């Protein structure tokens, strides 16, 4: 990429997209564009095609997706598969038809089987059944990998797929129903501490900034009702599962750095040249390190200063018990992460407060 190349970041306001846009600008790229959902519905094929015809981007980061935690994935199964397939199909096909020089597609390590070997290498894709709770989302992301792969083989495109582990960072989603595990923990424990200490100013401020089910910071009774709905009481906070699942976490700005690194230095032919069958050329992006959800909750509670009980509701699903990436491929390409989970929790909670 040249510093003046037109670069489209799809999902530029989200967790990863905003970090990619920031990383590009910090590196001196001067022609980075994006469109909000109000400006461009990526599920609308005609609208996406019109955008590509008008803007003619040279490079594309496909970071737009419908994402969420275990509850959202298991509840909104139809939306998760349909919306993600629509977004991917529209952008990848438009990139091909409008002769984009290179596209980077962001997937997820949930593409791997529930009982995948640990750590999970790229070659274990499609070797056994997926985790049920996020199967629709995983299938959509697998389809995205195969769409990139197939267009590269048939049409000679340069579309690369990267599979990040669990991401967290600035502009994360802290919705109590739909967020991923770490931001959900941070917000729930933050609210539990305030409730435990009778700190209504903090509760009112939090609900005012991020209303819960339409409840803002003006009604104490309604706030209490919503806190109870999400397992937050004066003496304890409820978290899903046993606390035993192991999870790997990657700071979103590290992920953005990896994405730009790959876009600048790696082509699909580099990844596929040694393969007789051009498959599993995607790249895991992770730390290769893991922590149990229970230890993560205790780390968050210690940082926030919460003294109440952490109650793990074993009637709720754990999801996959272990999901550790094998980052050997990205390491061989010369990239390594820089932010460890302890520093990341500190940085994310400070961002949340600000």
Protein backbone atom coordinates (compact mmCIF):
# COMPACT_ATOMS: atom_id res chain seq x y z
CA UNK A 1 0.00 0.00 0.00
CA UNK A 2 1.12 3.55 -0.70
CA UNK A 3 0.53 6.29 1.87
CA UNK A 4 -1.98 7.94 -0.49
CA UNK A 5 -3.80 4.72 -1.50
CA UNK A 6 -7.55 4.81 -0.95
CA UNK A 7 -8.27 2.35 1.87
CA UNK A 8 -11.79 1.37 2.89
CA UNK A 9 -12.27 0.09 6.44
CA UNK A 10 -15.66 -1.64 6.63
CA UNK A 11 -16.84 -1.39 10.23
CA UNK A 12 -14.62 1.62 10.99
CA UNK A 13 -16.60 2.60 14.09
CA UNK A 14 -16.43 -0.83 15.75
CA UNK A 15 -13.93 -2.40 18.09
CA UNK A 16 -11.49 -3.64 15.44
CA UNK A 17 -12.34 -1.27 12.61
CA UNK A 18 -11.72 1.83 14.72
CA UNK A 19 -8.36 0.40 15.84
CA UNK A 20 -7.40 -0.38 12.22
CA UNK A 21 -8.33 3.15 11.09
CA UNK A 22 -6.29 4.61 13.93
CA UNK A 23 -3.31 2.37 13.16
CA UNK A 24 -3.36 3.31 9.47
CA UNK A 25 -3.45 7.04 10.21
CA UNK A 26 -0.66 6.71 12.76
CA UNK A 27 1.44 5.05 10.03
CA UNK A 28 0.86 7.99 7.70
CA UNK A 29 -1.90 6.69 5.44
CA UNK A 30 -3.86 9.76 4.39
CA UNK A 31 -6.82 8.39 2.40
CA UNK A 32 -8.68 6.12 4.83
CA UNK A 33 -12.45 6.05 4.36
CA UNK A 34 -15.42 4.49 6.16
CA UNK A 35 -19.19 4.60 6.23
CA UNK A 36 -21.50 4.28 9.23
CA UNK A 37 -24.47 1.93 9.12
CA UNK A 38 -26.68 4.98 8.65
CA UNK A 39 -24.71 5.94 5.56
CA UNK A 40 -24.31 2.47 4.04
CA UNK A 41 -26.22 -0.72 4.83
CA UNK A 42 -23.68 -3.45 4.09
CA UNK A 43 -26.49 -6.02 3.86
CA UNK A 44 -27.82 -4.13 0.80
CA UNK A 45 -26.01 -5.53 -2.24
CA UNK A 46 -27.02 -2.69 -4.57
CA UNK A 47 -25.92 -0.04 -2.07
CA UNK A 48 -22.56 -1.73 -1.55
CA UNK A 49 -21.99 -2.00 -5.29
CA UNK A 50 -22.87 1.68 -5.75
CA UNK A 51 -20.41 2.63 -3.00
CA UNK A 52 -17.56 0.65 -4.60
CA UNK A 53 -18.34 2.08 -8.04
CA UNK A 54 -18.28 5.63 -6.65
CA UNK A 55 -15.30 5.40 -4.29
CA UNK A 56 -13.12 2.82 -6.08
CA UNK A 57 -11.11 1.78 -3.01
CA UNK A 58 -7.77 0.14 -3.73
CA UNK A 59 -7.54 -1.79 -0.44
CA UNK A 60 -10.25 -3.10 1.88
CA UNK A 61 -10.24 -4.18 5.51
CA UNK A 62 -13.44 -6.17 6.08
CA UNK A 63 -13.94 -5.68 9.83
CA UNK A 64 -17.71 -5.19 9.71
CA UNK A 65 -19.73 -7.99 11.33
CA UNK A 66 -22.60 -8.76 13.65
CA UNK A 67 -20.86 -9.94 16.81
CA UNK A 68 -21.74 -10.78 20.40
CA UNK A 69 -21.17 -13.06 23.34
CA UNK A 70 -22.49 -16.52 24.03
CA UNK A 71 -25.99 -15.31 24.97
CA UNK A 72 -26.41 -13.18 21.86
CA UNK A 73 -25.01 -15.87 19.55
CA UNK A 74 -27.33 -18.52 20.96
CA UNK A 75 -30.42 -16.26 20.99
CA UNK A 76 -30.16 -14.45 17.64
CA UNK A 77 -28.96 -17.40 15.57
CA UNK A 78 -30.78 -16.41 12.38
CA UNK A 79 -29.49 -12.85 12.47
CA UNK A 80 -25.93 -13.95 13.14
CA UNK A 81 -25.73 -16.22 10.12
CA UNK A 82 -27.80 -14.14 7.70
CA UNK A 83 -26.35 -10.72 8.51
CA UNK A 84 -22.75 -11.91 8.42
CA UNK A 85 -23.19 -13.87 5.19
CA UNK A 86 -24.83 -10.84 3.59
CA UNK A 87 -22.11 -8.40 4.67
CA UNK A 88 -19.28 -10.70 3.58
CA UNK A 89 -20.79 -11.72 0.26
CA UNK A 90 -21.58 -8.16 -0.74
CA UNK A 91 -18.18 -6.69 0.11
CA UNK A 92 -15.99 -9.54 -1.14
CA UNK A 93 -17.84 -9.80 -4.44
CA UNK A 94 -17.84 -6.02 -4.93
CA UNK A 95 -14.11 -5.97 -4.21
CA UNK A 96 -13.58 -8.54 -6.96
CA UNK A 97 -15.80 -6.81 -9.51
CA UNK A 98 -14.30 -3.38 -8.83
CA UNK A 99 -10.73 -4.69 -8.95
CA UNK A 100 -9.61 -4.03 -5.41
CA UNK A 101 -5.88 -4.76 -5.16
CA UNK A 102 -6.04 -6.52 -1.80
CA UNK A 103 -8.69 -7.36 0.80
CA UNK A 104 -8.24 -8.50 4.37
CA UNK A 105 -11.17 -10.46 5.79
CA UNK A 106 -11.46 -10.69 9.58
CA UNK A 107 -13.02 -13.86 10.93
CA UNK A 108 -12.86 -15.46 14.36
CA UNK A 109 -11.26 -18.48 16.01
CA UNK A 110 -14.77 -19.79 16.74
CA UNK A 111 -14.49 -21.31 13.23
CA UNK A 112 -12.60 -24.22 14.77
CA UNK A 113 -14.23 -27.42 16.03
CA UNK A 114 -15.49 -27.65 19.59
CA UNK A 115 -12.97 -30.39 20.33
CA UNK A 116 -10.11 -28.99 18.26
CA UNK A 117 -6.55 -29.83 19.28
CA UNK A 118 -5.04 -27.25 21.62
CA UNK A 119 -3.50 -24.95 20.62
CA UNK A 120 -5.60 -24.76 17.44
CA UNK A 121 -3.64 -24.78 14.15
CA UNK A 122 -5.15 -23.43 10.95
CA UNK A 123 -5.29 -26.94 9.47
CA UNK A 124 -7.86 -28.19 12.00
CA UNK A 125 -10.62 -26.24 10.23
CA UNK A 126 -13.63 -28.44 9.29
CA UNK A 127 -12.23 -31.57 10.91
CA UNK A 128 -15.12 -32.13 13.40
CA UNK A 129 -18.35 -30.48 14.70
CA UNK A 130 -18.51 -26.86 15.83
CA UNK A 131 -19.56 -25.50 19.22
CA UNK A 132 -23.38 -25.43 19.14
CA UNK A 133 -23.92 -22.05 20.80
CA UNK A 134 -22.06 -20.08 18.12
CA UNK A 135 -22.43 -22.45 15.15
CA UNK A 136 -24.35 -20.00 12.89
CA UNK A 137 -21.74 -17.28 13.34
CA UNK A 138 -18.89 -19.75 12.86
CA UNK A 139 -20.42 -21.11 9.65
CA UNK A 140 -20.76 -17.59 8.28
CA UNK A 141 -17.10 -16.89 9.01
CA UNK A 142 -16.01 -20.20 7.46
CA UNK A 143 -18.00 -19.22 4.36
CA UNK A 144 -16.08 -15.94 4.28
CA UNK A 145 -12.77 -17.79 4.34
CA UNK A 146 -13.92 -20.07 1.52
CA UNK A 147 -15.25 -17.16 -0.52
CA UNK A 148 -11.86 -15.42 -0.35
CA UNK A 149 -10.08 -18.68 -1.06
CA UNK A 150 -12.32 -19.55 -4.02
CA UNK A 151 -12.10 -16.09 -5.61
CA UNK A 152 -8.32 -16.21 -5.29
CA UNK A 153 -8.17 -19.58 -7.05
CA UNK A 154 -10.70 -18.81 -9.80
CA UNK A 155 -10.17 -15.09 -10.39
CA UNK A 156 -6.62 -14.43 -9.21
CA UNK A 157 -7.63 -12.00 -6.46
CA UNK A 158 -5.45 -11.22 -3.44
CA UNK A 159 -7.90 -11.73 -0.57
CA UNK A 160 -6.41 -12.79 2.77
CA UNK A 161 -8.33 -14.09 5.80
CA UNK A 162 -7.15 -13.61 9.38
CA UNK A 163 -8.74 -15.26 12.41
CA UNK A 164 -8.38 -13.27 15.63
CA UNK A 165 -8.89 -14.75 19.07
CA UNK A 166 -11.17 -13.00 21.62
CA UNK A 167 -10.68 -9.28 21.15
CA UNK A 168 -11.13 -6.43 23.61
CA UNK A 169 -10.21 -2.76 23.71
CA UNK A 170 -11.38 0.82 23.05
CA UNK A 171 -14.86 1.13 21.53
CA UNK A 172 -15.82 -2.30 22.83
CA UNK A 173 -19.49 -3.22 23.26
CA UNK A 174 -20.59 -3.12 26.92
CA UNK A 175 -24.23 -4.06 26.36
CA UNK A 176 -25.22 -6.35 29.25
CA UNK A 177 -27.01 -8.82 26.98
CA UNK A 178 -24.98 -8.80 23.78
CA UNK A 179 -21.36 -8.06 24.72
CA UNK A 180 -18.43 -10.45 24.82
CA UNK A 181 -17.16 -11.95 28.06
CA UNK A 182 -14.54 -9.39 29.12
CA UNK A 183 -16.49 -6.13 28.58
CA UNK A 184 -19.54 -7.82 30.12
CA UNK A 185 -17.49 -8.72 33.20
CA UNK A 186 -16.08 -5.22 33.51
CA UNK A 187 -19.44 -3.51 33.35
CA UNK A 188 -21.26 -5.99 35.60
CA UNK A 189 -18.55 -5.87 38.27
CA UNK A 190 -18.31 -2.08 38.00
CA UNK A 191 -22.06 -1.80 38.57
CA UNK A 192 -21.99 -4.42 41.33
CA UNK A 193 -19.33 -2.44 43.20
CA UNK A 194 -21.40 0.75 42.96
CA UNK A 195 -24.54 -1.07 44.15
CA UNK A 196 -22.62 -2.78 46.96
CA UNK A 197 -21.41 0.61 48.17
CA UNK A 198 -24.71 2.43 47.62
CA UNK A 199 -23.03 4.68 45.06
CA UNK A 200 -26.08 5.92 43.17
CA UNK A 201 -24.16 8.69 41.42
CA UNK A 202 -22.01 6.08 39.65
CA UNK A 203 -25.05 3.93 38.82
CA UNK A 204 -26.98 6.89 37.44
CA UNK A 205 -24.00 8.05 35.37
CA UNK A 206 -23.45 4.58 33.91
CA UNK A 207 -27.11 4.08 32.97
CA UNK A 208 -27.27 7.60 31.52
CA UNK A 209 -24.30 6.89 29.23
CA UNK A 210 -25.36 3.33 28.35
CA UNK A 211 -29.09 2.77 28.99
CA UNK A 212 -30.11 -0.83 29.74
CA UNK A 213 -33.28 -2.03 27.98
CA UNK A 214 -34.33 1.60 27.63
CA UNK A 215 -33.74 2.47 31.30
CA UNK A 216 -31.51 5.52 31.83
CA UNK A 217 -30.13 7.01 35.04
CA UNK A 218 -33.25 8.77 36.32
CA UNK A 219 -35.28 5.97 37.94
CA UNK A 220 -33.77 4.08 40.89
CA UNK A 221 -36.48 1.42 40.98
CA UNK A 222 -36.06 0.69 37.29
CA UNK A 223 -32.27 0.58 37.65
CA UNK A 224 -32.57 -1.96 40.48
CA UNK A 225 -34.93 -4.07 38.39
CA UNK A 226 -32.52 -4.15 35.45
CA UNK A 227 -29.53 -4.88 37.66
CA UNK A 228 -31.43 -7.82 39.14
CA UNK A 229 -32.31 -9.06 35.66
CA UNK A 230 -28.60 -9.32 34.83
CA UNK A 231 -27.63 -10.95 38.13
CA UNK A 232 -26.33 -7.88 39.95
CA UNK A 233 -27.42 -7.60 43.60
CA UNK A 234 -25.97 -5.64 46.57
CA UNK A 235 -23.96 -8.66 47.74
CA UNK A 236 -22.99 -10.54 44.58
CA UNK A 237 -22.67 -10.50 40.80
CA UNK A 238 -23.72 -13.47 38.70
CA UNK A 239 -21.51 -14.67 35.84
CA UNK A 240 -22.37 -17.37 33.33
CA UNK A 241 -20.91 -20.88 33.48
CA UNK A 242 -18.48 -22.59 35.80
CA UNK A 243 -15.53 -20.22 35.51
CA UNK A 244 -13.45 -23.12 34.20
CA UNK A 245 -13.35 -22.42 30.42
CA UNK A 246 -9.96 -21.20 29.24
CA UNK A 247 -9.89 -18.15 26.98
CA UNK A 248 -7.23 -16.26 25.08
CA UNK A 249 -7.52 -12.47 24.75
CA UNK A 250 -5.95 -10.04 22.31
CA UNK A 251 -5.90 -6.25 22.70
CA UNK A 252 -7.73 -4.74 19.71
CA UNK A 253 -4.91 -2.34 18.88
CA UNK A 254 -2.51 -5.29 18.74
CA UNK A 255 -4.96 -6.91 16.33
CA UNK A 256 -5.07 -3.75 14.22
CA UNK A 257 -1.28 -3.70 14.12
CA UNK A 258 -1.29 -7.33 12.92
CA UNK A 259 -3.85 -6.54 10.22
CA UNK A 260 -1.86 -3.62 8.82
CA UNK A 261 1.33 -5.67 9.09
CA UNK A 262 -0.20 -8.48 7.01
CA UNK A 263 -1.71 -6.06 4.49
CA UNK A 264 1.66 -4.37 3.95
CA UNK A 265 3.85 -7.48 3.81
CA UNK A 266 1.90 -10.64 2.93
CA UNK A 267 0.14 -11.78 -0.27
CA UNK A 268 -2.11 -14.79 -0.73
CA UNK A 269 0.41 -16.46 -3.04
CA UNK A 270 2.90 -16.36 -0.16
CA UNK A 271 0.48 -18.34 1.99
CA UNK A 272 -0.64 -20.83 -0.67
CA UNK A 273 2.45 -21.46 -2.77
CA UNK A 274 3.57 -24.60 -0.94
CA UNK A 275 0.10 -26.19 -0.90
CA UNK A 276 -1.09 -28.64 -3.54
CA UNK A 277 -4.66 -27.97 -2.39
CA UNK A 278 -5.15 -24.24 -1.77
CA UNK A 279 -6.98 -24.44 1.53
CA UNK A 280 -6.44 -23.35 5.13
CA UNK A 281 -4.33 -20.40 4.00
CA UNK A 282 -5.90 -18.15 6.64
CA UNK A 283 -3.80 -16.82 9.53
CA UNK A 284 -4.50 -17.12 13.26
CA UNK A 285 -3.93 -13.87 15.16
CA UNK A 286 -3.47 -14.49 18.86
CA UNK A 287 -1.17 -14.47 21.85
CA UNK A 288 -0.85 -18.20 22.42
CA UNK A 289 -1.63 -17.55 26.13
CA UNK A 290 -4.81 -18.25 28.06
CA UNK A 291 -6.65 -17.58 31.33
CA UNK A 292 -9.72 -19.21 32.89
CA UNK A 293 -12.91 -17.13 32.92
CA UNK A 294 -12.89 -17.47 36.71
CA UNK A 295 -9.38 -16.07 37.05
CA UNK A 296 -10.28 -13.34 34.59
CA UNK A 297 -13.28 -12.34 36.74
CA UNK A 298 -11.07 -12.23 39.82
CA UNK A 299 -8.54 -10.09 37.95
CA UNK A 300 -11.29 -7.66 36.92
CA UNK A 301 -12.75 -7.58 40.45
CA UNK A 302 -9.33 -6.82 41.93
CA UNK A 303 -8.75 -3.95 39.48
CA UNK A 304 -12.20 -2.47 40.12
CA UNK A 305 -11.99 -3.02 43.88
CA UNK A 306 -15.13 -5.13 44.17
CA UNK A 307 -15.46 -6.92 47.53
CA UNK A 308 -18.71 -8.83 46.98
CA UNK A 309 -19.25 -12.40 45.79
CA UNK A 310 -18.52 -13.62 42.28
CA UNK A 311 -21.25 -16.20 41.69
CA UNK A 312 -20.79 -18.57 38.77
CA UNK A 313 -24.17 -19.83 37.55
CA UNK A 314 -23.48 -23.39 36.43
CA UNK A 315 -26.98 -23.65 34.92
CA UNK A 316 -25.74 -21.35 32.16
CA UNK A 317 -23.56 -22.67 29.31
CA UNK A 318 -19.78 -22.49 29.32
CA UNK A 319 -19.34 -22.65 25.58
CA UNK A 320 -16.19 -24.32 24.32
CA UNK A 321 -14.02 -25.30 27.28
CA UNK A 322 -10.74 -24.29 25.66
CA UNK A 323 -9.96 -22.08 22.66
CA UNK A 324 -6.25 -21.39 22.35
CA UNK A 325 -4.79 -20.38 19.01
CA UNK A 326 -1.57 -21.64 17.54
CA UNK A 327 0.01 -18.35 16.37
CA UNK A 328 3.03 -20.05 14.77
CA UNK A 329 2.16 -18.82 11.26
CA UNK A 330 1.87 -15.14 12.18
CA UNK A 331 5.03 -15.45 14.31
CA UNK A 332 6.87 -16.92 11.31
CA UNK A 333 5.78 -13.87 9.33
CA UNK A 334 7.44 -11.64 11.92
CA UNK A 335 4.57 -10.32 14.06
CA UNK A 336 4.05 -10.72 17.84
CA UNK A 337 1.57 -9.15 20.28
CA UNK A 338 2.65 -6.56 22.85
CA UNK A 339 -0.17 -6.16 25.44
CA UNK A 340 -0.68 -8.88 28.08
CA UNK A 341 -4.07 -9.43 29.73
CA UNK A 342 -3.19 -7.75 33.06
CA UNK A 343 -2.22 -4.52 31.31
CA UNK A 344 -5.15 -4.84 28.94
CA UNK A 345 -7.74 -5.09 31.73
CA UNK A 346 -6.27 -1.96 33.30
CA UNK A 347 -6.35 -0.08 29.98
CA UNK A 348 -9.89 -1.17 29.10
CA UNK A 349 -11.36 -0.29 32.51
CA UNK A 350 -9.71 3.13 32.36
CA UNK A 351 -11.16 3.63 28.88
CA UNK A 352 -14.60 2.57 30.14
CA UNK A 353 -14.49 5.08 32.98
CA UNK A 354 -13.46 7.88 30.63
